[in-house]
Protein backbone atom coordinates (compact mmCIF):
# COMPACT_ATOMS: atom_id res chain seq x y z
CA UNK A 1 -13.39 -11.94 -20.54
CA UNK A 2 -10.92 -9.11 -19.84
CA UNK A 3 -10.79 -8.03 -16.21
CA UNK A 4 -9.23 -4.97 -14.54
CA UNK A 5 -8.27 -5.39 -10.89
CA UNK A 6 -7.86 -2.06 -9.06
CA UNK A 7 -6.27 -2.60 -5.63
CA UNK A 8 -3.74 -0.45 -3.74
CA UNK A 9 -2.62 -3.29 -1.46
CA UNK A 10 0.20 -4.98 -3.39
CA UNK A 11 -0.19 -8.28 -1.55
CA UNK A 12 -3.91 -8.45 -2.27
CA UNK A 13 -3.36 -7.36 -5.86
CA UNK A 14 -0.74 -10.06 -6.49
CA UNK A 15 -2.81 -12.70 -4.69
CA UNK A 16 -5.81 -12.03 -6.91
CA UNK A 17 -3.67 -12.06 -10.03
CA UNK A 18 -2.08 -15.38 -9.10
CA UNK A 19 -5.40 -16.95 -8.03
CA UNK A 20 -7.12 -16.00 -11.27
CA UNK A 21 -4.20 -17.24 -13.36
CA UNK A 22 -5.64 -20.73 -12.79
CA UNK A 23 -8.60 -19.60 -14.90
CA UNK A 24 -6.53 -18.20 -17.78
CA UNK A 25 -8.70 -20.03 -20.30
CA UNK A 26 -11.67 -17.94 -19.10
CA UNK A 27 -10.23 -14.64 -17.93
CA UNK A 28 -7.52 -12.20 -19.00
CA UNK A 29 -6.41 -10.13 -15.99
CA UNK A 30 -4.72 -6.73 -15.81
CA UNK A 31 -3.91 -5.08 -12.48
CA UNK A 32 -3.71 -1.43 -11.47
CA UNK A 33 -2.31 0.17 -8.31
CA UNK A 34 -5.00 2.84 -8.00
CA UNK A 35 -8.09 4.29 -9.62
CA UNK A 36 -6.31 7.13 -11.39
CA UNK A 37 -3.94 4.72 -13.12
CA UNK A 38 -6.87 2.53 -14.17
CA UNK A 39 -8.84 5.46 -15.59
CA UNK A 40 -5.93 6.32 -17.89
CA UNK A 41 -5.60 2.80 -19.28
CA UNK A 42 -9.09 1.30 -19.33
CA UNK A 43 -10.53 0.99 -22.81
CA UNK A 44 -13.36 -0.81 -24.59
CA UNK A 45 -11.49 -4.11 -24.52
CA UNK A 46 -12.26 -4.53 -20.81
CA UNK A 47 -15.48 -6.21 -19.65
CA UNK A 48 -15.24 -6.16 -15.86
CA UNK A 49 -13.71 -4.02 -13.13
CA UNK A 50 -12.90 -5.47 -9.69
CA UNK A 51 -12.11 -2.64 -7.31
CA UNK A 52 -11.41 -2.07 -3.64
CA UNK A 53 -13.41 0.71 -1.97
CA UNK A 54 -10.86 2.21 0.39
CA UNK A 55 -7.96 3.51 -1.70
CA UNK A 56 -5.85 6.66 -1.41
CA UNK A 57 -6.62 9.54 -3.73
CA UNK A 58 -9.81 8.29 -5.35
CA UNK A 59 -11.92 5.65 -3.62
CA UNK A 60 -13.77 2.84 -5.36
CA UNK A 61 -17.18 4.53 -5.31
CA UNK A 62 -15.88 7.71 -6.96
CA UNK A 63 -13.97 5.55 -9.45
CA UNK A 64 -17.11 3.65 -10.46
CA UNK A 65 -19.03 6.91 -10.78
CA UNK A 66 -16.45 8.10 -13.30
CA UNK A 67 -16.76 4.84 -15.24
CA UNK A 68 -20.48 5.61 -15.61
CA UNK A 69 -21.61 2.02 -16.06
CA UNK A 70 -19.33 1.17 -19.00
CA UNK A 71 -18.20 -2.07 -17.37
CA UNK A 72 -19.64 -4.71 -15.11
CA UNK A 73 -18.24 -4.21 -11.60
CA UNK A 74 -17.44 -6.17 -8.45
CA UNK A 75 -16.49 -4.44 -5.21
CA UNK A 76 -14.11 -5.98 -2.68
CA UNK A 77 -13.61 -4.45 0.74
CA UNK A 78 -12.23 -5.19 4.16
CA UNK A 79 -14.94 -3.13 5.86
CA UNK A 80 -18.40 -3.68 4.42
CA UNK A 81 -21.04 -1.22 5.58
CA UNK A 82 -24.66 -0.82 4.66
CA UNK A 83 -24.00 2.70 3.37
CA UNK A 84 -21.31 1.45 1.00
CA UNK A 85 -23.57 -1.34 -0.19
CA UNK A 86 -26.28 1.21 -0.96
CA UNK A 87 -23.87 3.35 -2.98
CA UNK A 88 -22.73 0.23 -4.84
CA UNK A 89 -26.28 -0.80 -5.71
CA UNK A 90 -26.98 2.73 -6.94
CA UNK A 91 -24.04 2.35 -9.33
CA UNK A 92 -25.27 -1.00 -10.61
CA UNK A 93 -22.80 -3.21 -8.72
CA UNK A 94 -24.25 -6.68 -8.25
CA UNK A 95 -21.55 -8.28 -6.07
CA UNK A 96 -20.00 -6.81 -2.93
CA UNK A 97 -17.38 -9.17 -1.47
CA UNK A 98 -15.96 -8.76 2.04
CA UNK A 99 -12.31 -9.70 2.65
CA UNK A 100 -11.25 -12.35 3.25
CA UNK A 101 -13.16 -14.38 0.66
CA UNK A 102 -12.57 -17.65 -1.14
CA UNK A 103 -11.26 -17.56 -4.70
CA UNK A 104 -14.22 -19.68 -5.75
CA UNK A 105 -16.57 -16.98 -4.43
CA UNK A 106 -14.85 -14.38 -6.59
CA UNK A 107 -14.85 -16.66 -9.63
CA UNK A 108 -18.59 -17.25 -9.24
CA UNK A 109 -19.13 -13.48 -9.04
CA UNK A 110 -17.05 -12.98 -12.19
CA UNK A 111 -19.07 -15.59 -14.04
CA UNK A 112 -22.30 -13.88 -12.99
CA UNK A 113 -20.90 -10.59 -14.28
CA UNK A 114 -19.98 -12.30 -17.56
CA UNK A 115 -23.54 -13.54 -17.97
CA UNK A 116 -24.89 -10.06 -17.18
CA UNK A 117 -22.50 -8.55 -19.74
CA UNK A 118 -23.72 -11.03 -22.34
CA UNK A 119 -27.37 -10.26 -21.60
CA UNK A 120 -26.78 -6.50 -21.81
CA UNK A 121 -25.14 -7.00 -25.21
CA UNK A 122 -28.40 -8.61 -26.39
CA UNK A 123 -31.13 -6.52 -24.72
CA UNK A 124 -33.90 -7.97 -26.85
CA UNK A 125 -33.30 -11.36 -25.26
CA UNK A 126 -33.96 -10.26 -21.69
CA UNK A 127 -36.61 -8.28 -19.87
CA UNK A 128 -35.57 -5.28 -17.81
CA UNK A 129 -35.01 -6.30 -14.21
CA UNK A 130 -36.17 -3.84 -11.59
CA UNK A 131 -33.70 -2.80 -8.89
CA UNK A 132 -34.09 -4.85 -5.74
CA UNK A 133 -35.05 -3.44 -2.36
CA UNK A 134 -32.49 -5.70 -0.70
CA UNK A 135 -31.03 -2.77 1.22
CA UNK A 136 -33.07 -3.86 4.25
CA UNK A 137 -32.08 -6.74 6.50
CA UNK A 138 -35.61 -8.13 6.65
CA UNK A 139 -39.06 -7.17 5.51
CA UNK A 140 -42.12 -7.70 7.70
CA UNK A 141 -45.64 -7.18 6.33
CA UNK A 142 -45.70 -3.76 8.02
CA UNK A 143 -42.43 -2.71 6.39
CA UNK A 144 -43.33 -4.28 3.05
CA UNK A 145 -46.43 -2.09 2.83
CA UNK A 146 -44.29 1.04 3.27
CA UNK A 147 -41.65 -0.26 0.86
CA UNK A 148 -44.23 -0.97 -1.83
CA UNK A 149 -45.49 2.60 -1.55
CA UNK A 150 -41.92 3.89 -1.71
CA UNK A 151 -41.24 1.75 -4.78
CA UNK A 152 -44.22 3.23 -6.62
CA UNK A 153 -43.34 6.76 -5.60
CA UNK A 154 -39.68 6.28 -6.60
CA UNK A 155 -40.61 6.01 -10.26
CA UNK A 156 -42.02 9.54 -10.23
CA UNK A 157 -40.62 12.95 -9.34
CA UNK A 158 -43.23 13.53 -6.64
CA UNK A 159 -41.90 14.90 -3.36
CA UNK A 160 -41.97 12.39 -0.50
CA UNK A 161 -42.24 12.95 3.24
CA UNK A 162 -41.00 10.07 5.39
CA UNK A 163 -42.63 9.90 8.81
CA UNK A 164 -41.50 7.77 11.71
CA UNK A 165 -39.77 7.62 15.06
CA UNK A 166 -36.08 8.32 15.44
CA UNK A 167 -33.98 5.34 14.40
CA UNK A 168 -36.51 3.54 12.19
CA UNK A 169 -34.42 3.91 9.03
CA UNK A 170 -35.74 7.03 7.30
CA UNK A 171 -32.44 7.80 5.58
CA UNK A 172 -32.17 4.22 4.40
CA UNK A 173 -35.67 4.58 2.93
CA UNK A 174 -34.60 7.80 1.21
CA UNK A 175 -31.55 6.11 -0.29
CA UNK A 176 -33.69 3.20 -1.44
CA UNK A 177 -36.12 5.56 -3.15
CA UNK A 178 -33.20 7.24 -4.90
CA UNK A 179 -31.68 3.89 -5.93
CA UNK A 180 -34.99 2.79 -7.46
CA UNK A 181 -35.64 6.08 -9.24
CA UNK A 182 -34.70 7.26 -12.75
CA UNK A 183 -32.27 9.59 -10.96
CA UNK A 184 -30.23 6.71 -9.50
CA UNK A 185 -27.12 7.54 -11.53
CA UNK A 186 -27.12 11.12 -10.23
CA UNK A 187 -26.12 12.40 -6.75
CA UNK A 188 -27.89 11.60 -3.51
CA UNK A 189 -27.25 14.52 -1.14
CA UNK A 190 -28.41 14.62 2.49
CA UNK A 191 -28.78 17.49 4.93
CA UNK A 192 -29.88 17.08 8.54
CA UNK A 193 -31.63 20.26 9.69
CA UNK A 194 -31.31 19.36 13.35
CA UNK A 195 -27.53 18.85 13.14
CA UNK A 196 -26.64 22.26 11.68
CA UNK A 197 -26.56 25.58 13.55
CA UNK A 198 -29.45 27.80 12.49
CA UNK A 199 -27.15 30.48 11.04
CA UNK A 200 -25.53 27.95 8.69
CA UNK A 201 -28.60 26.24 7.24
CA UNK A 202 -29.17 28.83 4.50
CA UNK A 203 -25.57 28.68 3.25
CA UNK A 204 -25.62 24.89 3.40
CA UNK A 205 -28.74 24.76 1.27
CA UNK A 206 -27.98 27.49 -1.26
CA UNK A 207 -24.20 27.99 -1.07
CA UNK A 208 -22.38 31.31 -1.00
CA UNK A 209 -20.09 33.54 -3.04
CA UNK A 210 -16.62 34.56 -1.99
CA UNK A 211 -16.87 37.51 0.39
CA UNK A 212 -20.53 36.93 1.24
CA UNK A 213 -19.56 37.00 4.93
CA UNK A 214 -16.39 37.14 7.00
CA UNK A 215 -15.33 33.51 6.64
CA UNK A 216 -16.40 33.14 3.00
CA UNK A 217 -12.89 33.00 1.55
CA UNK A 218 -14.01 31.13 -1.58
CA UNK A 219 -17.20 30.23 -3.41
CA UNK A 220 -19.09 27.19 -2.17
CA UNK A 221 -22.02 25.48 -3.87
CA UNK A 222 -24.97 24.47 -1.71
CA UNK A 223 -26.78 21.18 -1.36
CA UNK A 224 -29.30 22.09 -4.06
CA UNK A 225 -26.57 22.52 -6.66
CA UNK A 226 -24.69 19.46 -5.42
CA UNK A 227 -27.84 17.36 -5.87
CA UNK A 228 -28.66 18.72 -9.34
CA UNK A 229 -30.22 15.94 -11.40
CA UNK A 230 -30.52 13.71 -8.36
CA UNK A 231 -32.18 13.56 -4.95
CA UNK A 232 -31.94 16.01 -2.04
CA UNK A 233 -32.78 14.40 1.29
CA UNK A 234 -33.84 16.93 3.93
CA UNK A 235 -33.77 15.08 7.24
CA UNK A 236 -35.58 16.45 10.30
CA UNK A 237 -37.30 19.02 8.07
CA UNK A 238 -39.65 20.03 10.91
CA UNK A 239 -36.67 21.52 12.77
CA UNK A 240 -36.04 24.08 10.05
CA UNK A 241 -36.47 27.67 11.35
CA UNK A 242 -39.69 29.29 10.15
CA UNK A 243 -37.94 32.31 8.61
CA UNK A 244 -35.98 30.00 6.28
CA UNK A 245 -38.96 27.90 5.27
CA UNK A 246 -40.18 30.62 2.88
CA UNK A 247 -36.83 30.58 1.06
CA UNK A 248 -36.95 26.80 0.79
CA UNK A 249 -40.50 26.94 -0.53
CA UNK A 250 -39.50 29.48 -3.18
CA UNK A 251 -36.57 27.32 -4.30
CA UNK A 252 -38.87 24.32 -4.63
CA UNK A 253 -41.50 26.27 -6.55
CA UNK A 254 -39.14 28.14 -8.88
CA UNK A 255 -36.55 25.35 -9.20
CA UNK A 256 -33.90 28.03 -8.89
CA UNK A 257 -31.51 29.08 -6.13
CA UNK A 258 -29.31 32.08 -5.47
CA UNK A 259 -26.09 31.74 -3.50
CA UNK A 260 -25.63 34.02 -0.50
CA UNK A 261 -23.89 37.17 -1.64
CA UNK A 262 -24.74 36.41 -5.27
CA UNK A 263 -27.16 37.91 -7.78
CA UNK A 264 -27.44 35.16 -10.39
CA UNK A 265 -30.29 32.66 -10.07
CA UNK A 266 -29.18 29.12 -10.82
CA UNK A 267 -31.58 26.52 -12.24
CA UNK A 268 -31.61 23.25 -10.32
CA UNK A 269 -33.38 19.98 -10.98
CA UNK A 270 -33.74 18.01 -7.74
CA UNK A 271 -36.17 15.50 -6.35
CA UNK A 272 -37.03 16.23 -2.70
CA UNK A 273 -37.33 13.50 -0.08
CA UNK A 274 -37.87 14.93 3.41
CA UNK A 275 -38.20 13.22 6.77
CA UNK A 276 -39.28 14.00 10.31
CA UNK A 277 -39.95 12.23 13.59
CA UNK A 278 -42.06 15.16 14.81
CA UNK A 279 -45.84 15.63 14.72
CA UNK A 280 -45.61 18.03 11.82
CA UNK A 281 -49.33 18.82 11.74
CA UNK A 282 -49.14 19.88 15.39
CA UNK A 283 -46.23 22.15 14.45
CA UNK A 284 -48.36 23.67 11.68
CA UNK A 285 -51.16 24.33 14.18
CA UNK A 286 -48.68 26.09 16.47
CA UNK A 287 -47.31 28.19 13.62
CA UNK A 288 -43.93 26.45 13.74
CA UNK A 289 -44.14 25.02 10.24
CA UNK A 290 -45.62 26.55 7.10
CA UNK A 291 -48.65 24.71 5.80
CA UNK A 292 -47.84 25.59 2.19
CA UNK A 293 -44.37 24.09 2.55
CA UNK A 294 -45.89 20.96 4.07
CA UNK A 295 -48.09 20.42 1.01
CA UNK A 296 -45.10 21.03 -1.25
CA UNK A 297 -42.91 18.38 0.40
CA UNK A 298 -45.61 15.84 1.29
CA UNK A 299 -47.14 14.93 -2.06
CA UNK A 300 -46.65 11.32 -0.98
CA UNK A 301 -46.33 10.80 2.80
CA UNK A 302 -44.93 7.42 3.85
CA UNK A 303 -45.20 6.20 7.43
CA UNK A 304 -42.37 3.88 8.51
CA UNK A 305 -43.45 1.57 11.35
CA UNK A 306 -41.34 1.34 14.53
CA UNK A 307 -39.35 -1.82 15.23
CA UNK A 308 -41.74 -2.93 17.99
CA UNK A 309 -44.39 -3.35 15.26
CA UNK A 310 -41.96 -5.41 13.15
CA UNK A 311 -40.92 -8.03 15.69
CA UNK A 312 -40.28 -10.68 13.02
CA UNK A 313 -37.41 -8.51 11.79
CA UNK A 314 -35.60 -8.19 15.13
CA UNK A 315 -33.63 -11.45 15.09
CA UNK A 316 -32.63 -11.33 11.39
CA UNK A 317 -31.44 -7.75 11.84
CA UNK A 318 -29.59 -8.61 15.06
CA UNK A 319 -27.84 -11.57 13.46
CA UNK A 320 -26.82 -9.52 10.42
CA UNK A 321 -25.45 -6.76 12.66
CA UNK A 322 -23.57 -9.34 14.73
CA UNK A 323 -21.87 -10.70 11.63
CA UNK A 324 -20.92 -7.22 10.44
CA UNK A 325 -19.48 -6.33 13.85
CA UNK A 326 -17.60 -9.61 14.01
CA UNK A 327 -15.97 -8.95 10.64
CA UNK A 328 -15.29 -5.31 11.45
CA UNK A 329 -13.34 -6.12 14.62
CA UNK A 330 -12.06 -9.54 13.51
CA UNK A 331 -13.91 -11.25 16.35
CA UNK A 332 -14.38 -15.04 16.65
CA UNK A 333 -17.64 -16.68 15.64
CA UNK A 334 -20.46 -15.62 17.95
CA UNK A 335 -24.16 -16.38 18.25
CA UNK A 336 -27.09 -15.46 20.48
CA UNK A 337 -28.23 -17.82 23.20
CA UNK A 338 -31.90 -18.81 23.33
CA UNK A 339 -32.40 -16.52 26.33
CA UNK A 340 -30.72 -13.62 24.52
CA UNK A 341 -33.00 -14.09 21.53
CA UNK A 342 -36.04 -14.11 23.81
CA UNK A 343 -34.82 -10.93 25.48
CA UNK A 344 -34.28 -9.22 22.14
CA UNK A 345 -37.84 -10.07 21.11
CA UNK A 346 -39.41 -8.90 24.40
CA UNK A 347 -37.63 -5.56 24.56
CA UNK A 348 -39.74 -2.62 23.18
CA UNK A 349 -36.85 -0.88 21.32
CA UNK A 350 -37.74 2.79 21.85
CA UNK A 351 -34.63 3.71 19.87
CA UNK A 352 -35.61 1.34 17.06
CA UNK A 353 -32.96 -0.09 14.73
CA UNK A 354 -30.37 2.50 15.77
CA UNK A 355 -30.64 1.22 19.35
CA UNK A 356 -30.55 -2.41 18.24
CA UNK A 357 -27.30 -1.77 16.34
CA UNK A 358 -25.72 -0.21 19.44
CA UNK A 359 -26.85 -3.02 21.73
CA UNK A 360 -25.60 -5.82 19.46
CA UNK A 361 -22.28 -4.11 18.76
CA UNK A 362 -21.60 -3.62 22.46
CA UNK A 363 -22.57 -7.20 23.30
CA UNK A 364 -20.39 -8.63 20.53
CA UNK A 365 -17.36 -6.66 21.72
CA UNK A 366 -17.77 -7.28 25.45
CA UNK A 367 -18.92 -10.91 25.40
CA UNK A 368 -16.14 -13.24 26.58
CA UNK A 369 -17.57 -16.39 25.01
CA UNK A 370 -18.82 -17.57 21.63
CA UNK A 371 -22.40 -17.31 22.90
CA UNK A 372 -23.92 -13.93 23.68
CA UNK A 373 -26.14 -14.25 26.74
CA UNK A 374 -29.12 -12.19 27.83
CA UNK A 375 -26.89 -10.57 30.45
CA UNK A 376 -24.43 -9.46 27.75
CA UNK A 377 -27.19 -7.36 26.17
CA UNK A 378 -27.64 -5.18 29.27
CA UNK A 379 -31.28 -4.62 28.35
CA UNK A 380 -32.66 -4.97 31.88
CA UNK A 381 -31.26 -1.56 32.75
CA UNK A 382 -33.06 -0.09 29.73
CA UNK A 383 -36.52 -1.57 30.31
């Protein structure tokens, strides 16, 4: 099996080369200093690419996108995040190793990739495996019901409206839907309506031509064009100003957009996933949201339950977050005391998973011992 190792850190690159030399009867290894160098020299003789994510010039995700699935791939990184894992899964990466790791762990991953390469070379011998919804830390019955609906909807082009409180994981749901869809190899583009000034939303969505307004010194494509062929995630859709909703509706109906200051209509093919934590039907009743736009974006509405209704997920999520924080800041081994676990379970989590992440990260950083106590969580002040 011929392997390309793409790593900008010379020490890591040499270490991997030396470690894998002990397996010369199984693997032939070539190393590259960066993604651009690798792209010039990779050919059909290679079977597997092992790449870092964080590299100057072109990062590992962009590199894998350019490879377009021609090789099996393993990602190695010193800073694993859920977002990066999602992007990796979308690109077909099956192993995501966090530095430092044992050589044996890497060798096992390479052998799995070799088996996958062999199976793909003989497609008649293996059934198609569906993408996994392993992007979530844990899955309670309440969450599983929503995930099953999302999985069915993902296989279609129907527009989806994700409903749920702030912090429940709506963007993660949207990325999961994209990863499970036939559009998974195309872009996932997100736009948060509540985070953009009202006067910029139109240009963000549709782009603009040079000279369209004072600061338009060059042409810029909008989110619709950027997401062409893929998924456009419109977060906090209920916060979109009413006067722009008609333009959005027209773009969705006609599947065409026109940049600000332009005259040419541009065909776009996007799948819409929208989300809101607002009572959107109440907004419709008050005239704050167009009913026709609601029906256009909510072909399949999916309600995501709050964390307080998924209590069996709290401890698995907290422990996973703790491990990620520990690795991120190179902290010693830490665990939750029995009292801390009880406190985590009793707390109502009004901020949902987003709040849980913040609480665990703070406790991990500030705790002076290997055991995180209930006091370290500072939840009494929040109750």
